[in-house]
Amino acid sequence: MSPDALNKLLAELKSQIASLEGVDNQKRARLDGLVEALEKSARNPADSEESGKLRDSLNESIVVLEGTHPRLTQVLNRIVELLLDIGL
């Protein structure tokens, strides 16, 4: 995995989350949890069970947010693609 690519996407994701408007606390907490899980996955990519759960959570978030937050969902999609490319 390219740490630089993932770190760049994580920074972009954090920026998008910070600038979100009209998102309830539950959705924001879920997104913050995804960021934490992605950071953990970057440190320990060998945990395939956790990676599967992470991909599922990312895909669920994409579905929930795609109509209202297209930029955020673009970043999430790129992260999913990166995880798939590296076999996670």
C-alpha atoms as a PDB file:
ATOM      1  CA  MET A   1       0.000   0.000   0.000  1.00  0.00           C
ATOM      2  CA  SER A   2       1.172   3.441  -0.716  1.00  0.00           C
ATOM      3  CA  PRO A   3       1.121   5.165   2.659  1.00  0.00           C
ATOM      4  CA  ASP A   4       1.250   8.510   0.882  1.00  0.00           C
ATOM      5  CA  ALA A   5      -1.850   7.770  -1.190  1.00  0.00           C
ATOM      6  CA  LEU A   6      -3.856   6.595   1.806  1.00  0.00           C
ATOM      7  CA  ASN A   7      -2.626   9.458   3.999  1.00  0.00           C
ATOM      8  CA  LYS A   8      -3.582  11.955   1.300  1.00  0.00           C
ATOM      9  CA  LEU A   9      -7.067  10.456   1.027  1.00  0.00           C
ATOM     10  CA  LEU A  10      -7.438  10.403   4.812  1.00  0.00           C
ATOM     11  CA  ALA A  11      -6.480  14.071   5.012  1.00  0.00           C
ATOM     12  CA  GLU A  12      -9.011  14.868   2.304  1.00  0.00           C
ATOM     13  CA  LEU A  13     -11.668  12.785   4.095  1.00  0.00           C
ATOM     14  CA  LYS A  14     -11.017  14.597   7.390  1.00  0.00           C
ATOM     15  CA  SER A  15     -11.282  17.935   5.621  1.00  0.00           C
ATOM     16  CA  GLN A  16     -14.583  16.960   4.014  1.00  0.00           C
ATOM     17  CA  ILE A  17     -15.981  15.737   7.333  1.00  0.00           C
ATOM     18  CA  ALA A  18     -14.901  18.933   9.091  1.00  0.00           C
ATOM     19  CA  SER A  19     -16.716  21.045   6.517  1.00  0.00           C
ATOM     20  CA  LEU A  20     -19.959  19.048   6.525  1.00  0.00           C
ATOM     21  CA  GLU A  21     -23.143  20.944   7.166  1.00  0.00           C
ATOM     22  CA  GLY A  22     -26.514  19.451   7.946  1.00  0.00           C
ATOM     23  CA  VAL A  23     -25.188  16.133   9.239  1.00  0.00           C
ATOM     24  CA  ASP A  24     -26.543  14.847  12.507  1.00  0.00           C
ATOM     25  CA  ASN A  25     -24.256  13.806  15.341  1.00  0.00           C
ATOM     26  CA  GLN A  26     -24.825  10.101  14.703  1.00  0.00           C
ATOM     27  CA  LYS A  27     -23.640  10.325  11.080  1.00  0.00           C
ATOM     28  CA  ARG A  28     -20.694  12.504  12.057  1.00  0.00           C
ATOM     29  CA  ALA A  29     -19.687   9.999  14.766  1.00  0.00           C
ATOM     30  CA  ARG A  30     -19.941   7.183  12.231  1.00  0.00           C
ATOM     31  CA  LEU A  31     -17.669   9.067   9.840  1.00  0.00           C
ATOM     32  CA  ASP A  32     -15.182   9.794  12.616  1.00  0.00           C
ATOM     33  CA  GLY A  33     -15.216   6.078  13.439  1.00  0.00           C
ATOM     34  CA  LEU A  34     -14.471   5.258   9.804  1.00  0.00           C
ATOM     35  CA  VAL A  35     -11.475   7.568   9.870  1.00  0.00           C
ATOM     36  CA  GLU A  36     -10.176   5.856  13.008  1.00  0.00           C
ATOM     37  CA  ALA A  37     -10.704   2.425  11.439  1.00  0.00           C
ATOM     38  CA  LEU A  38      -8.913   3.506   8.261  1.00  0.00           C
ATOM     39  CA  GLU A  39      -5.972   4.801  10.261  1.00  0.00           C
ATOM     40  CA  LYS A  40      -5.843   1.512  12.170  1.00  0.00           C
ATOM     41  CA  SER A  41      -6.019  -0.449   8.935  1.00  0.00           C
ATOM     42  CA  ALA A  42      -3.154   1.584   7.516  1.00  0.00           C
ATOM     43  CA  ARG A  43      -1.030   0.655  10.533  1.00  0.00           C
ATOM     44  CA  ASN A  44      -2.055  -3.032  10.494  1.00  0.00           C
ATOM     45  CA  PRO A  45      -3.201  -4.064   6.997  1.00  0.00           C
ATOM     46  CA  ALA A  46      -2.978  -7.811   7.707  1.00  0.00           C
ATOM     47  CA  ASP A  47      -6.302  -8.023   9.595  1.00  0.00           C
ATOM     48  CA  SER A  48      -8.561  -9.185   6.741  1.00  0.00           C
ATOM     49  CA  GLU A  49     -11.706  -9.594   8.888  1.00  0.00           C
ATOM     50  CA  GLU A  50     -11.489  -5.991  10.041  1.00  0.00           C
ATOM     51  CA  SER A  51     -10.762  -4.881   6.468  1.00  0.00           C
ATOM     52  CA  GLY A  52     -13.955  -6.568   5.273  1.00  0.00           C
ATOM     53  CA  LYS A  53     -15.995  -4.850   7.968  1.00  0.00           C
ATOM     54  CA  LEU A  54     -14.330  -1.552   7.088  1.00  0.00           C
ATOM     55  CA  ARG A  55     -15.202  -1.906   3.396  1.00  0.00           C
ATOM     56  CA  ASP A  56     -18.802  -2.710   4.326  1.00  0.00           C
ATOM     57  CA  SER A  57     -18.989   0.365   6.550  1.00  0.00           C
ATOM     58  CA  LEU A  58     -17.494   2.533   3.835  1.00  0.00           C
ATOM     59  CA  ASN A  59     -19.984   1.247   1.271  1.00  0.00           C
ATOM     60  CA  GLU A  60     -22.905   1.823   3.657  1.00  0.00           C
ATOM     61  CA  SER A  61     -21.742   5.378   4.279  1.00  0.00           C
ATOM     62  CA  ILE A  62     -21.474   5.991   0.551  1.00  0.00           C
ATOM     63  CA  VAL A  63     -25.076   4.894   0.033  1.00  0.00           C
ATOM     64  CA  VAL A  64     -26.332   7.084   2.886  1.00  0.00           C
ATOM     65  CA  LEU A  65     -24.396  10.208   1.866  1.00  0.00           C
ATOM     66  CA  GLU A  66     -24.192  10.060  -1.927  1.00  0.00           C
ATOM     67  CA  GLY A  67     -27.257  12.213  -2.572  1.00  0.00           C
ATOM     68  CA  THR A  68     -26.406  14.965  -0.130  1.00  0.00           C
ATOM     69  CA  HIS A  69     -22.597  15.023   0.035  1.00  0.00           C
ATOM     70  CA  PRO A  70     -21.132  14.108  -3.376  1.00  0.00           C
ATOM     71  CA  ARG A  71     -17.575  15.282  -2.647  1.00  0.00           C
ATOM     72  CA  LEU A  72     -17.414  13.214   0.511  1.00  0.00           C
ATOM     73  CA  THR A  73     -18.706  10.146  -1.291  1.00  0.00           C
ATOM     74  CA  GLN A  74     -16.104  10.636  -4.032  1.00  0.00           C
ATOM     75  CA  VAL A  75     -13.360  10.485  -1.409  1.00  0.00           C
ATOM     76  CA  LEU A  76     -14.948   7.427   0.208  1.00  0.00           C
ATOM     77  CA  ASN A  77     -15.163   5.723  -3.191  1.00  0.00           C
ATOM     78  CA  ARG A  78     -11.491   6.422  -3.876  1.00  0.00           C
ATOM     79  CA  ILE A  79     -10.592   4.942  -0.498  1.00  0.00           C
ATOM     80  CA  VAL A  80     -12.619   1.793  -1.270  1.00  0.00           C
ATOM     81  CA  GLU A  81     -10.854   1.510  -4.637  1.00  0.00           C
ATOM     82  CA  LEU A  82      -7.465   1.894  -2.976  1.00  0.00           C
ATOM     83  CA  LEU A  83      -8.297  -0.788  -0.399  1.00  0.00           C
ATOM     84  CA  LEU A  84      -9.426  -3.146  -3.168  1.00  0.00           C
ATOM     85  CA  ASP A  85      -6.301  -2.419  -5.209  1.00  0.00           C
ATOM     86  CA  ILE A  86      -4.088  -3.420  -2.303  1.00  0.00           C
ATOM     87  CA  GLY A  87      -6.122  -6.509  -1.530  1.00  0.00           C
ATOM     88  CA  LEU A  88      -7.866  -5.383   1.639  1.00  0.00           C
END
